[in-house]
N, C-alpha and C. Protein backbone atom coordinates (compact mmCIF):
# COMPACT_ATOMS: atom_id res chain seq x y z
N MET A 1 173.00 83.93 117.01
CA MET A 1 174.14 83.08 116.71
C MET A 1 173.76 81.61 116.73
N HIS A 2 173.05 81.19 117.80
CA HIS A 2 172.66 79.79 117.89
C HIS A 2 171.69 79.42 116.78
N ASP A 3 170.80 80.34 116.43
CA ASP A 3 169.85 80.08 115.34
C ASP A 3 170.58 79.82 114.03
N LYS A 4 171.61 80.60 113.77
CA LYS A 4 172.36 80.43 112.53
C LYS A 4 173.03 79.06 112.49
N ILE A 5 173.61 78.65 113.59
CA ILE A 5 174.27 77.35 113.66
C ILE A 5 173.26 76.23 113.48
N LEU A 6 172.13 76.33 114.17
CA LEU A 6 171.10 75.30 114.07
C LEU A 6 170.55 75.22 112.65
N ARG A 7 170.30 76.36 112.04
CA ARG A 7 169.80 76.39 110.65
C ARG A 7 170.81 75.71 109.72
N GLU A 8 172.09 76.03 109.88
CA GLU A 8 173.12 75.43 109.04
C GLU A 8 173.19 73.92 109.24
N ASP A 9 173.07 73.48 110.49
CA ASP A 9 173.09 72.04 110.78
C ASP A 9 171.92 71.32 110.11
N VAL A 10 170.74 71.89 110.22
CA VAL A 10 169.56 71.28 109.60
C VAL A 10 169.72 71.23 108.09
N GLU A 11 170.19 72.31 107.50
CA GLU A 11 170.39 72.35 106.05
C GLU A 11 171.39 71.29 105.60
N LYS A 12 172.47 71.12 106.35
CA LYS A 12 173.47 70.10 106.01
C LYS A 12 172.88 68.70 106.08
N LEU A 13 172.10 68.44 107.13
CA LEU A 13 171.49 67.12 107.28
C LEU A 13 170.52 66.82 106.14
N ILE A 14 169.74 67.81 105.77
CA ILE A 14 168.80 67.63 104.65
C ILE A 14 169.57 67.36 103.36
N GLU A 15 170.61 68.15 103.12
CA GLU A 15 171.40 67.99 101.90
C GLU A 15 172.09 66.63 101.83
N LYS A 16 172.45 66.07 102.97
CA LYS A 16 173.09 64.75 102.98
C LYS A 16 172.08 63.62 102.83
N LEU A 17 170.90 63.79 103.40
CA LEU A 17 169.92 62.71 103.41
C LEU A 17 169.12 62.62 102.11
N GLU A 18 168.73 63.74 101.56
CA GLU A 18 167.86 63.71 100.37
C GLU A 18 168.42 62.86 99.22
N PRO A 19 169.68 62.99 98.84
CA PRO A 19 170.18 62.15 97.74
C PRO A 19 170.15 60.66 98.08
N GLN A 20 170.37 60.32 99.33
CA GLN A 20 170.33 58.92 99.72
C GLN A 20 168.91 58.37 99.67
N ILE A 21 167.96 59.19 100.06
CA ILE A 21 166.55 58.78 100.04
C ILE A 21 166.10 58.56 98.59
N GLU A 22 166.55 59.40 97.68
CA GLU A 22 166.12 59.30 96.28
C GLU A 22 166.59 58.01 95.62
N GLU A 23 167.64 57.40 96.14
CA GLU A 23 168.16 56.16 95.57
C GLU A 23 167.40 54.93 96.06
N ILE A 24 166.56 55.09 97.06
CA ILE A 24 165.85 53.97 97.67
C ILE A 24 164.68 53.53 96.78
N GLU A 25 164.53 52.22 96.65
CA GLU A 25 163.38 51.64 95.98
C GLU A 25 162.75 50.63 96.93
N PRO A 26 161.72 51.04 97.65
CA PRO A 26 161.08 50.14 98.61
C PRO A 26 160.55 48.88 97.91
N GLN A 27 160.78 47.73 98.53
CA GLN A 27 160.37 46.46 97.94
C GLN A 27 159.16 45.83 98.63
N THR A 28 158.80 46.37 99.79
CA THR A 28 157.66 45.83 100.53
C THR A 28 156.76 46.98 100.97
N ALA A 29 155.56 46.62 101.41
CA ALA A 29 154.64 47.64 101.91
C ALA A 29 155.20 48.31 103.15
N GLU A 30 155.85 47.52 104.00
CA GLU A 30 156.44 48.09 105.22
C GLU A 30 157.56 49.07 104.87
N ALA A 31 158.39 48.69 103.92
CA ALA A 31 159.48 49.57 103.49
C ALA A 31 158.91 50.84 102.86
N GLU A 32 157.84 50.72 102.11
CA GLU A 32 157.20 51.89 101.49
C GLU A 32 156.68 52.84 102.56
N GLU A 33 156.13 52.28 103.64
CA GLU A 33 155.63 53.12 104.73
C GLU A 33 156.77 53.90 105.39
N TYR A 34 157.87 53.23 105.66
CA TYR A 34 159.02 53.92 106.26
C TYR A 34 159.57 54.98 105.30
N TYR A 35 159.63 54.63 104.02
CA TYR A 35 160.11 55.56 103.01
C TYR A 35 159.24 56.81 102.97
N SER A 36 157.94 56.61 102.99
CA SER A 36 157.00 57.75 102.99
C SER A 36 157.19 58.61 104.23
N ASN A 37 157.39 57.97 105.37
CA ASN A 37 157.62 58.72 106.60
C ASN A 37 158.90 59.53 106.54
N MET A 38 159.96 58.95 105.99
CA MET A 38 161.22 59.68 105.87
C MET A 38 161.03 60.93 105.01
N LYS A 39 160.37 60.76 103.88
CA LYS A 39 160.14 61.91 102.99
C LYS A 39 159.27 62.96 103.67
N ALA A 40 158.27 62.51 104.42
CA ALA A 40 157.39 63.45 105.12
C ALA A 40 158.16 64.23 106.18
N TYR A 41 159.03 63.55 106.93
CA TYR A 41 159.82 64.24 107.94
C TYR A 41 160.77 65.26 107.31
N ILE A 42 161.31 64.94 106.15
CA ILE A 42 162.17 65.91 105.46
C ILE A 42 161.35 67.14 105.07
N GLU A 43 160.17 66.92 104.53
CA GLU A 43 159.31 68.05 104.15
C GLU A 43 158.87 68.84 105.38
N ASP A 44 158.58 68.14 106.47
CA ASP A 44 158.24 68.83 107.72
C ASP A 44 159.39 69.71 108.17
N SER A 45 160.60 69.17 108.08
CA SER A 45 161.78 69.93 108.49
C SER A 45 161.91 71.21 107.67
N LYS A 46 161.72 71.10 106.37
CA LYS A 46 161.78 72.28 105.51
C LYS A 46 160.69 73.28 105.87
N HIS A 47 159.50 72.78 106.13
CA HIS A 47 158.38 73.64 106.52
C HIS A 47 158.70 74.41 107.80
N PHE A 48 159.20 73.70 108.80
CA PHE A 48 159.53 74.36 110.07
C PHE A 48 160.66 75.37 109.89
N MET A 49 161.60 75.06 108.99
CA MET A 49 162.68 76.02 108.71
C MET A 49 162.09 77.31 108.15
N GLU A 50 161.16 77.17 107.21
CA GLU A 50 160.53 78.36 106.61
C GLU A 50 159.79 79.19 107.65
N LYS A 51 159.21 78.52 108.63
CA LYS A 51 158.45 79.21 109.68
C LYS A 51 159.36 79.76 110.78
N GLY A 52 160.66 79.41 110.71
CA GLY A 52 161.60 79.88 111.72
C GLY A 52 161.61 79.04 112.98
N ASP A 53 160.94 77.88 112.94
CA ASP A 53 160.90 76.98 114.10
C ASP A 53 162.03 75.97 113.94
N LEU A 54 163.23 76.41 114.30
CA LEU A 54 164.43 75.62 114.03
C LEU A 54 164.53 74.38 114.90
N VAL A 55 163.99 74.43 116.10
CA VAL A 55 164.04 73.25 116.97
C VAL A 55 163.20 72.13 116.36
N ARG A 56 162.00 72.46 115.93
CA ARG A 56 161.15 71.44 115.30
C ARG A 56 161.74 70.98 113.96
N ALA A 57 162.37 71.89 113.24
CA ALA A 57 163.03 71.52 111.98
C ALA A 57 164.13 70.50 112.25
N PHE A 58 164.91 70.75 113.30
CA PHE A 58 165.98 69.82 113.67
C PHE A 58 165.39 68.49 114.11
N GLU A 59 164.36 68.54 114.92
CA GLU A 59 163.72 67.31 115.39
C GLU A 59 163.21 66.48 114.22
N ALA A 60 162.57 67.11 113.26
CA ALA A 60 162.01 66.38 112.12
C ALA A 60 163.10 65.72 111.28
N ILE A 61 164.20 66.43 111.02
CA ILE A 61 165.25 65.82 110.20
C ILE A 61 165.95 64.70 110.96
N ILE A 62 166.03 64.82 112.28
CA ILE A 62 166.62 63.73 113.07
C ILE A 62 165.74 62.49 112.99
N TRP A 63 164.42 62.66 113.03
CA TRP A 63 163.51 61.52 112.86
C TRP A 63 163.70 60.88 111.49
N ALA A 64 163.85 61.69 110.45
CA ALA A 64 164.07 61.15 109.11
C ALA A 64 165.35 60.33 109.07
N TRP A 65 166.41 60.86 109.67
CA TRP A 65 167.68 60.12 109.73
C TRP A 65 167.53 58.83 110.52
N ALA A 66 166.78 58.88 111.62
CA ALA A 66 166.59 57.69 112.45
C ALA A 66 165.90 56.59 111.64
N PHE A 67 164.83 56.94 110.94
CA PHE A 67 164.15 55.96 110.10
C PHE A 67 165.10 55.41 109.04
N PHE A 68 165.88 56.27 108.43
CA PHE A 68 166.82 55.84 107.40
C PHE A 68 167.84 54.85 107.96
N GLU A 69 168.43 55.19 109.08
CA GLU A 69 169.44 54.32 109.69
C GLU A 69 168.86 52.98 110.12
N ILE A 70 167.70 53.01 110.73
CA ILE A 70 167.06 51.77 111.18
C ILE A 70 166.75 50.88 109.98
N CYS A 71 166.15 51.46 108.96
CA CYS A 71 165.81 50.67 107.77
C CYS A 71 167.06 50.13 107.09
N HIS A 72 168.09 50.92 107.05
CA HIS A 72 169.36 50.47 106.46
C HIS A 72 169.93 49.31 107.26
N ASP A 73 169.96 49.45 108.58
CA ASP A 73 170.49 48.39 109.43
C ASP A 73 169.69 47.10 109.33
N LEU A 74 168.38 47.23 109.15
CA LEU A 74 167.51 46.05 109.03
C LEU A 74 167.41 45.54 107.59
N LYS A 75 168.18 46.17 106.70
CA LYS A 75 168.22 45.80 105.28
C LYS A 75 166.82 45.80 104.64
N MET A 76 166.06 46.83 104.98
CA MET A 76 164.72 46.96 104.42
C MET A 76 164.74 47.58 103.03
N PHE A 77 165.84 48.22 102.68
CA PHE A 77 165.96 48.83 101.36
C PHE A 77 167.14 48.22 100.65
């Protein structure tokens, strides 16, 4: 039961973040680095989901969201 809920939560977070990430156009090398990290964490999250490691999948998507929020707040994108 908990696995199903966690999987659904991770899937929702990925579905919400991916379209926002695709709209980003990094303007600096620093912004490009954060952008690359966000995309990598999303891919890591998907990889962990496929392997059934839902805790790591959740952790990875949370890191992607954290980078996104920080960059947004600092107006890096």
